[in-house]
C-alpha atoms as a PDB file:
ATOM      1  CA  MET A   1       0.000   0.000   0.000  1.00  0.00           C
ATOM      2  CA  THR A   2       1.412   3.427  -0.981  1.00  0.00           C
ATOM      3  CA  THR A   3       1.072   6.218   1.565  1.00  0.00           C
ATOM      4  CA  TYR A   4       1.231   9.786   0.338  1.00  0.00           C
ATOM      5  CA  ARG A   5       2.891  12.328   2.536  1.00  0.00           C
ATOM      6  CA  THR A   6       1.114  15.674   2.887  1.00  0.00           C
ATOM      7  CA  GLU A   7       3.264  18.737   2.526  1.00  0.00           C
ATOM      8  CA  ARG A   8       2.679  22.376   3.332  1.00  0.00           C
ATOM      9  CA  SER A   9       3.618  25.162   0.924  1.00  0.00           C
ATOM     10  CA  THR A  10       5.220  28.341   2.115  1.00  0.00           C
ATOM     11  CA  ALA A  11       1.727  29.865   1.967  1.00  0.00           C
ATOM     12  CA  GLY A  12       0.396  27.286   4.433  1.00  0.00           C
ATOM     13  CA  HIS A  13      -1.715  25.263   1.926  1.00  0.00           C
ATOM     14  CA  ILE A  14      -1.925  21.447   2.282  1.00  0.00           C
ATOM     15  CA  PHE A  15      -1.200  19.372  -0.817  1.00  0.00           C
ATOM     16  CA  GLY A  16      -3.007  16.044  -0.122  1.00  0.00           C
ATOM     17  CA  ALA A  17      -3.825  14.902  -3.663  1.00  0.00           C
ATOM     18  CA  PRO A  18      -0.951  13.402  -5.718  1.00  0.00           C
ATOM     19  CA  SER A  19      -0.156  14.637  -9.167  1.00  0.00           C
ATOM     20  CA  GLN A  20      -0.434  12.459 -12.294  1.00  0.00           C
ATOM     21  CA  ARG A  21       3.358  12.008 -12.319  1.00  0.00           C
ATOM     22  CA  THR A  22       3.329  10.874  -8.664  1.00  0.00           C
ATOM     23  CA  ILE A  23       0.640   8.273  -9.435  1.00  0.00           C
ATOM     24  CA  THR A  24       2.700   6.942 -12.357  1.00  0.00           C
ATOM     25  CA  TRP A  25       5.785   6.565 -10.175  1.00  0.00           C
ATOM     26  CA  ALA A  26       3.789   4.877  -7.417  1.00  0.00           C
ATOM     27  CA  LEU A  27       2.300   2.318  -9.829  1.00  0.00           C
ATOM     28  CA  ALA A  28       5.771   1.587 -11.193  1.00  0.00           C
ATOM     29  CA  GLY A  29       7.005   0.972  -7.656  1.00  0.00           C
ATOM     30  CA  LEU A  30       4.154  -1.453  -6.938  1.00  0.00           C
ATOM     31  CA  LEU A  31       4.864  -3.407 -10.118  1.00  0.00           C
ATOM     32  CA  SER A  32       8.576  -3.642  -9.253  1.00  0.00           C
ATOM     33  CA  ALA A  33       7.782  -4.955  -5.777  1.00  0.00           C
ATOM     34  CA  ALA A  34       5.376  -7.541  -7.214  1.00  0.00           C
ATOM     35  CA  VAL A  35       7.930  -9.046  -9.598  1.00  0.00           C
ATOM     36  CA  ALA A  36      10.944  -8.765  -7.284  1.00  0.00           C
ATOM     37  CA  PRO A  37      10.564 -12.241  -5.672  1.00  0.00           C
ATOM     38  CA  SER A  38      10.879 -13.980  -9.046  1.00  0.00           C
ATOM     39  CA  TRP A  39      14.416 -12.762  -9.592  1.00  0.00           C
ATOM     40  CA  ALA A  40      15.646 -11.757  -6.158  1.00  0.00           C
ATOM     41  CA  ASN A  41      16.350 -15.357  -5.153  1.00  0.00           C
ATOM     42  CA  SER A  42      18.394 -16.090  -8.250  1.00  0.00           C
ATOM     43  CA  ALA A  43      20.384 -12.875  -8.309  1.00  0.00           C
ATOM     44  CA  ALA A  44      21.784 -12.162  -4.854  1.00  0.00           C
ATOM     45  CA  PRO A  45      23.200  -8.734  -4.040  1.00  0.00           C
ATOM     46  CA  ALA A  46      26.906  -8.206  -4.621  1.00  0.00           C
ATOM     47  CA  GLY A  47      28.944 -10.007  -1.973  1.00  0.00           C
ATOM     48  CA  ALA A  48      26.033 -12.153  -0.737  1.00  0.00           C
ATOM     49  CA  GLY A  49      27.087 -15.193  -2.761  1.00  0.00           C
ATOM     50  CA  SER A  50      30.546 -15.289  -1.247  1.00  0.00           C
ATOM     51  CA  ALA A  51      29.107 -14.828   2.244  1.00  0.00           C
ATOM     52  CA  GLN A  52      26.613 -17.657   1.726  1.00  0.00           C
ATOM     53  CA  GLY A  53      29.386 -19.852   0.306  1.00  0.00           C
ATOM     54  CA  SER A  54      31.558 -19.170   3.338  1.00  0.00           C
ATOM     55  CA  ALA A  55      28.681 -20.049   5.674  1.00  0.00           C
ATOM     56  CA  ALA A  56      28.025 -23.292   3.801  1.00  0.00           C
ATOM     57  CA  ALA A  57      31.696 -24.199   3.910  1.00  0.00           C
ATOM     58  CA  ALA A  58      31.795 -23.561   7.641  1.00  0.00           C
ATOM     59  CA  ALA A  59      28.749 -25.811   8.149  1.00  0.00           C
ATOM     60  CA  THR A  60      30.261 -28.662   6.127  1.00  0.00           C
ATOM     61  CA  PRO A  61      32.414 -30.990   8.254  1.00  0.00           C
ATOM     62  CA  ALA A  62      36.039 -31.079   7.175  1.00  0.00           C
ATOM     63  CA  SER A  63      37.480 -34.338   5.881  1.00  0.00           C
ATOM     64  CA  PRO A  64      39.506 -36.247   8.493  1.00  0.00           C
ATOM     65  CA  ALA A  65      42.811 -35.389   6.815  1.00  0.00           C
ATOM     66  CA  SER A  66      43.866 -34.228   3.403  1.00  0.00           C
ATOM     67  CA  PRO A  67      47.156 -35.170   1.703  1.00  0.00           C
ATOM     68  CA  ALA A  68      48.455 -31.703   2.600  1.00  0.00           C
ATOM     69  CA  ASN A  69      48.379 -32.366   6.365  1.00  0.00           C
ATOM     70  CA  CYS A  70      48.481 -36.167   6.366  1.00  0.00           C
ATOM     71  CA  PRO A  71      51.585 -37.776   7.913  1.00  0.00           C
ATOM     72  CA  ALA A  72      53.836 -39.230   5.233  1.00  0.00           C
ATOM     73  CA  LEU A  73      53.513 -42.731   6.686  1.00  0.00           C
ATOM     74  CA  LEU A  74      49.739 -42.665   6.173  1.00  0.00           C
ATOM     75  CA  ASN A  75      49.679 -41.013   2.772  1.00  0.00           C
ATOM     76  CA  HIS A  76      48.589 -44.228   1.042  1.00  0.00           C
ATOM     77  CA  SER A  77      45.369 -45.788  -0.183  1.00  0.00           C
ATOM     78  CA  PHE A  78      44.350 -49.448   0.159  1.00  0.00           C
ATOM     79  CA  LYS A  79      41.337 -51.400  -1.051  1.00  0.00           C
ATOM     80  CA  ARG A  80      38.916 -52.474   1.660  1.00  0.00           C
ATOM     81  CA  LEU A  81      38.716 -56.260   2.025  1.00  0.00           C
ATOM     82  CA  GLN A  82      34.943 -56.636   1.969  1.00  0.00           C
ATOM     83  CA  ASP A  83      34.218 -54.643  -1.200  1.00  0.00           C
ATOM     84  CA  GLU A  84      37.565 -53.398  -2.578  1.00  0.00           C
ATOM     85  CA  LYS A  85      36.565 -49.749  -2.204  1.00  0.00           C
ATOM     86  CA  PRO A  86      39.692 -47.558  -1.943  1.00  0.00           C
ATOM     87  CA  GLN A  87      40.340 -46.247   1.548  1.00  0.00           C
ATOM     88  CA  ALA A  88      42.789 -43.448   2.335  1.00  0.00           C
ATOM     89  CA  LEU A  89      44.816 -44.092   5.461  1.00  0.00           C
ATOM     90  CA  CYS A  90      44.867 -40.318   5.960  1.00  0.00           C
ATOM     91  CA  GLN A  91      41.431 -40.707   7.533  1.00  0.00           C
ATOM     92  CA  TYR A  92      43.198 -42.228  10.561  1.00  0.00           C
ATOM     93  CA  SER A  93      45.464 -39.227  11.090  1.00  0.00           C
ATOM     94  CA  GLY A  94      45.453 -38.274  14.768  1.00  0.00           C
ATOM     95  CA  LYS A  95      44.642 -41.826  15.870  1.00  0.00           C
ATOM     96  CA  VAL A  96      46.913 -44.356  17.553  1.00  0.00           C
ATOM     97  CA  LEU A  97      47.280 -47.252  15.114  1.00  0.00           C
ATOM     98  CA  LEU A  98      48.207 -50.889  15.475  1.00  0.00           C
ATOM     99  CA  VAL A  99      49.213 -52.113  12.015  1.00  0.00           C
ATOM    100  CA  VAL A 100      49.178 -55.907  11.696  1.00  0.00           C
ATOM    101  CA  ASN A 101      50.053 -58.265   8.836  1.00  0.00           C
ATOM    102  CA  THR A 102      47.559 -61.120   9.020  1.00  0.00           C
ATOM    103  CA  ALA A 103      46.970 -64.572   7.516  1.00  0.00           C
ATOM    104  CA  SER A 104      43.988 -66.909   7.495  1.00  0.00           C
ATOM    105  CA  TYR A 105      45.793 -70.251   7.892  1.00  0.00           C
ATOM    106  CA  CYS A 106      48.452 -69.573  10.484  1.00  0.00           C
ATOM    107  CA  GLY A 107      49.085 -70.810  13.994  1.00  0.00           C
ATOM    108  CA  PHE A 108      48.592 -67.205  15.123  1.00  0.00           C
ATOM    109  CA  THR A 109      45.299 -66.631  13.259  1.00  0.00           C
ATOM    110  CA  GLY A 110      43.463 -66.916  16.565  1.00  0.00           C
ATOM    111  CA  GLN A 111      44.999 -63.543  17.491  1.00  0.00           C
ATOM    112  CA  PHE A 112      42.193 -61.968  15.460  1.00  0.00           C
ATOM    113  CA  GLU A 113      39.989 -62.342  18.546  1.00  0.00           C
ATOM    114  CA  GLY A 114      42.478 -60.565  20.781  1.00  0.00           C
ATOM    115  CA  LEU A 115      43.050 -57.817  18.233  1.00  0.00           C
ATOM    116  CA  GLU A 116      39.306 -57.214  17.962  1.00  0.00           C
ATOM    117  CA  ALA A 117      39.086 -57.088  21.763  1.00  0.00           C
ATOM    118  CA  LEU A 118      41.889 -54.497  21.814  1.00  0.00           C
ATOM    119  CA  ASN A 119      40.165 -52.417  19.172  1.00  0.00           C
ATOM    120  CA  ALA A 120      36.861 -52.513  21.043  1.00  0.00           C
ATOM    121  CA  LYS A 121      38.462 -51.703  24.397  1.00  0.00           C
ATOM    122  CA  TYR A 122      40.439 -48.668  23.266  1.00  0.00           C
ATOM    123  CA  ALA A 123      38.467 -47.367  20.279  1.00  0.00           C
ATOM    124  CA  ALA A 124      36.772 -44.627  22.295  1.00  0.00           C
ATOM    125  CA  ARG A 125      40.203 -43.339  23.353  1.00  0.00           C
ATOM    126  CA  GLY A 126      41.509 -43.250  19.785  1.00  0.00           C
ATOM    127  CA  LEU A 127      42.977 -46.654  18.907  1.00  0.00           C
ATOM    128  CA  VAL A 128      42.385 -48.232  15.498  1.00  0.00           C
ATOM    129  CA  VAL A 129      43.686 -51.693  14.589  1.00  0.00           C
ATOM    130  CA  LEU A 130      44.443 -52.034  10.863  1.00  0.00           C
ATOM    131  CA  GLY A 131      44.718 -55.507   9.350  1.00  0.00           C
ATOM    132  CA  PHE A 132      46.650 -56.294   6.167  1.00  0.00           C
ATOM    133  CA  PRO A 133      46.305 -59.875   4.897  1.00  0.00           C
ATOM    134  CA  SER A 134      49.506 -61.099   3.278  1.00  0.00           C
ATOM    135  CA  ASN A 135      50.624 -64.250   1.533  1.00  0.00           C
ATOM    136  CA  ASP A 136      54.307 -63.486   1.996  1.00  0.00           C
ATOM    137  CA  PHE A 137      54.527 -66.525   4.287  1.00  0.00           C
ATOM    138  CA  LYS A 138      52.269 -68.688   2.097  1.00  0.00           C
ATOM    139  CA  GLN A 139      49.420 -68.883   4.614  1.00  0.00           C
ATOM    140  CA  GLU A 140      46.789 -66.643   3.040  1.00  0.00           C
ATOM    141  CA  ASP A 141      44.030 -67.646   0.640  1.00  0.00           C
ATOM    142  CA  ALA A 142      44.145 -66.334  -2.920  1.00  0.00           C
ATOM    143  CA  ASP A 143      40.384 -65.805  -2.757  1.00  0.00           C
ATOM    144  CA  ALA A 144      39.650 -62.513  -0.991  1.00  0.00           C
ATOM    145  CA  LYS A 145      36.116 -63.675  -0.193  1.00  0.00           C
ATOM    146  CA  LYS A 146      37.486 -66.601   1.809  1.00  0.00           C
ATOM    147  CA  THR A 147      39.880 -64.280   3.610  1.00  0.00           C
ATOM    148  CA  ALA A 148      36.967 -61.997   4.458  1.00  0.00           C
ATOM    149  CA  ASP A 149      34.941 -64.955   5.695  1.00  0.00           C
ATOM    150  CA  VAL A 150      37.702 -65.953   8.112  1.00  0.00           C
ATOM    151  CA  CYS A 151      38.076 -62.401   9.425  1.00  0.00           C
ATOM    152  CA  PHE A 152      34.494 -61.243   9.675  1.00  0.00           C
ATOM    153  CA  ASN A 153      32.515 -64.434  10.175  1.00  0.00           C
ATOM    154  CA  THR A 154      34.871 -66.811  11.962  1.00  0.00           C
ATOM    155  CA  TYR A 155      36.523 -64.269  14.255  1.00  0.00           C
ATOM    156  CA  GLY A 156      34.011 -61.401  14.269  1.00  0.00           C
ATOM    157  CA  VAL A 157      36.526 -58.760  13.215  1.00  0.00           C
ATOM    158  CA  LYS A 158      35.116 -55.240  13.040  1.00  0.00           C
ATOM    159  CA  PHE A 159      38.322 -53.236  12.682  1.00  0.00           C
ATOM    160  CA  PRO A 160      39.395 -52.192   9.148  1.00  0.00           C
ATOM    161  CA  MET A 161      40.780 -54.972   6.969  1.00  0.00           C
ATOM    162  CA  PHE A 162      42.365 -54.451   3.574  1.00  0.00           C
ATOM    163  CA  THR A 163      43.138 -56.621   0.559  1.00  0.00           C
ATOM    164  CA  GLU A 164      46.287 -58.726   0.233  1.00  0.00           C
ATOM    165  CA  THR A 165      49.473 -56.715   0.699  1.00  0.00           C
ATOM    166  CA  LYS A 166      53.185 -57.388   0.317  1.00  0.00           C
ATOM    167  CA  VAL A 167      54.803 -56.715   3.664  1.00  0.00           C
ATOM    168  CA  LYS A 168      58.464 -57.726   3.382  1.00  0.00           C
ATOM    169  CA  GLY A 169      61.420 -57.744   1.032  1.00  0.00           C
ATOM    170  CA  SER A 170      62.055 -55.575  -2.002  1.00  0.00           C
ATOM    171  CA  GLY A 171      58.416 -55.790  -3.059  1.00  0.00           C
ATOM    172  CA  ALA A 172      57.007 -54.602   0.257  1.00  0.00           C
ATOM    173  CA  HIS A 173      54.363 -51.911   0.122  1.00  0.00           C
ATOM    174  CA  PRO A 174      55.852 -48.498   1.048  1.00  0.00           C
ATOM    175  CA  LEU A 175      53.818 -48.481   4.284  1.00  0.00           C
ATOM    176  CA  PHE A 176      55.529 -51.638   5.518  1.00  0.00           C
ATOM    177  CA  ALA A 177      58.881 -50.630   4.053  1.00  0.00           C
ATOM    178  CA  ASP A 178      58.728 -47.416   6.087  1.00  0.00           C
ATOM    179  CA  LEU A 179      57.617 -49.241   9.226  1.00  0.00           C
ATOM    180  CA  ALA A 180      60.540 -51.657   8.871  1.00  0.00           C
ATOM    181  CA  LYS A 181      63.002 -48.833   8.194  1.00  0.00           C
ATOM    182  CA  VAL A 182      62.026 -46.798  11.255  1.00  0.00           C
ATOM    183  CA  THR A 183      61.656 -49.694  13.704  1.00  0.00           C
ATOM    184  CA  GLY A 184      64.505 -51.766  12.307  1.00  0.00           C
ATOM    185  CA  SER A 185      62.240 -54.817  12.044  1.00  0.00           C
ATOM    186  CA  GLN A 186      60.396 -56.110   9.008  1.00  0.00           C
ATOM    187  CA  PRO A 187      57.723 -58.773   9.537  1.00  0.00           C
ATOM    188  CA  SER A 188      59.434 -62.082  10.266  1.00  0.00           C
ATOM    189  CA  TRP A 189      56.116 -63.950  10.217  1.00  0.00           C
ATOM    190  CA  ASN A 190      52.376 -63.314  10.252  1.00  0.00           C
ATOM    191  CA  PHE A 191      50.794 -61.141  12.951  1.00  0.00           C
ATOM    192  CA  ASN A 192      53.687 -58.772  13.497  1.00  0.00           C
ATOM    193  CA  LYS A 193      52.398 -55.574  15.062  1.00  0.00           C
ATOM    194  CA  TYR A 194      53.529 -51.981  14.569  1.00  0.00           C
ATOM    195  CA  LEU A 195      52.359 -49.305  16.986  1.00  0.00           C
ATOM    196  CA  VAL A 196      52.022 -45.839  15.405  1.00  0.00           C
ATOM    197  CA  GLY A 197      51.472 -42.631  17.388  1.00  0.00           C
ATOM    198  CA  ARG A 198      48.928 -39.886  16.818  1.00  0.00           C
ATOM    199  CA  ASP A 199      51.582 -37.939  14.912  1.00  0.00           C
ATOM    200  CA  GLY A 200      51.897 -40.727  12.345  1.00  0.00           C
ATOM    201  CA  LYS A 201      55.332 -41.838  13.557  1.00  0.00           C
ATOM    202  CA  PRO A 202      56.114 -45.487  14.374  1.00  0.00           C
ATOM    203  CA  ILE A 203      56.658 -46.139  18.079  1.00  0.00           C
ATOM    204  CA  ALA A 204      57.424 -49.839  18.404  1.00  0.00           C
ATOM    205  CA  HIS A 205      57.374 -53.238  16.739  1.00  0.00           C
ATOM    206  CA  PHE A 206      56.004 -56.411  18.352  1.00  0.00           C
ATOM    207  CA  GLY A 207      56.503 -59.881  16.918  1.00  0.00           C
ATOM    208  CA  SER A 208      54.085 -62.738  16.362  1.00  0.00           C
ATOM    209  CA  MET A 209      54.716 -64.158  19.826  1.00  0.00           C
ATOM    210  CA  THR A 210      53.389 -60.994  21.480  1.00  0.00           C
ATOM    211  CA  ASN A 211      49.737 -61.696  22.161  1.00  0.00           C
ATOM    212  CA  PRO A 212      47.257 -58.819  21.790  1.00  0.00           C
ATOM    213  CA  ASP A 213      46.469 -58.948  25.509  1.00  0.00           C
ATOM    214  CA  SER A 214      50.104 -58.998  26.640  1.00  0.00           C
ATOM    215  CA  ARG A 215      50.956 -56.374  29.239  1.00  0.00           C
ATOM    216  CA  LYS A 216      53.914 -55.236  27.173  1.00  0.00           C
ATOM    217  CA  LEU A 217      51.681 -54.336  24.226  1.00  0.00           C
ATOM    218  CA  THR A 218      48.752 -52.880  26.165  1.00  0.00           C
ATOM    219  CA  SER A 219      51.089 -50.691  28.235  1.00  0.00           C
ATOM    220  CA  ALA A 220      52.617 -49.284  25.054  1.00  0.00           C
ATOM    221  CA  ILE A 221      49.161 -48.652  23.598  1.00  0.00           C
ATOM    222  CA  GLU A 222      47.988 -46.863  26.749  1.00  0.00           C
ATOM    223  CA  ALA A 223      51.091 -44.676  26.775  1.00  0.00           C
ATOM    224  CA  ALA A 224      50.553 -43.748  23.125  1.00  0.00           C
ATOM    225  CA  LEU A 225      46.911 -42.924  23.777  1.00  0.00           C
ATOM    226  CA  ALA A 226      47.869 -40.693  26.698  1.00  0.00           C
ATOM    227  CA  ALA A 227      50.416 -38.746  24.668  1.00  0.00           C
ATOM    228  CA  ARG A 228      49.161 -35.543  23.003  1.00  0.00           C
END
């Protein structure tokens, strides 16, 4: 609704009736207001787009870790065992990791249960067990589905498992080559364990004979979890 302001002339007369030109301008204003909603939403004022974009970016959760701030040790991608979807290890940046080379037909395969218990016990504090099946010691199945069945169905593993990986020698994956270089110990058999700190740096190596529930291992895990 258009309201007309009354004005007084210098002679004291009141001008209450609008002129023809005033009416024309008023009608033009009403028409502009009526059509404004159809374009106002698609054409934001200058600067509004960038402000809205910044707000949206702030509301969107950041990815766990990008290659730019991912520790070098974790800057690798592996296929997930159950469906072969690529998984970036950078997503575990800031976690304490226990990296284990596993096998389905080994005298130590029963350690899957203890490793899952470790993962469940300390997950809330930041531990993640990572399992890497390997046939370097000729005790892993060539069929990934059978490997998955042993892990997930036989032993109830819930921690991340990846597809078959070379863990020793000249053909070792860079992750395991780096772990061996820093700790001075490459896997001598299945179920070797490498403890990695929140900063992505290896802390210690534990052999196959070290059970997941051994005090030596759990003490090292607790110390790594406590470190900031």
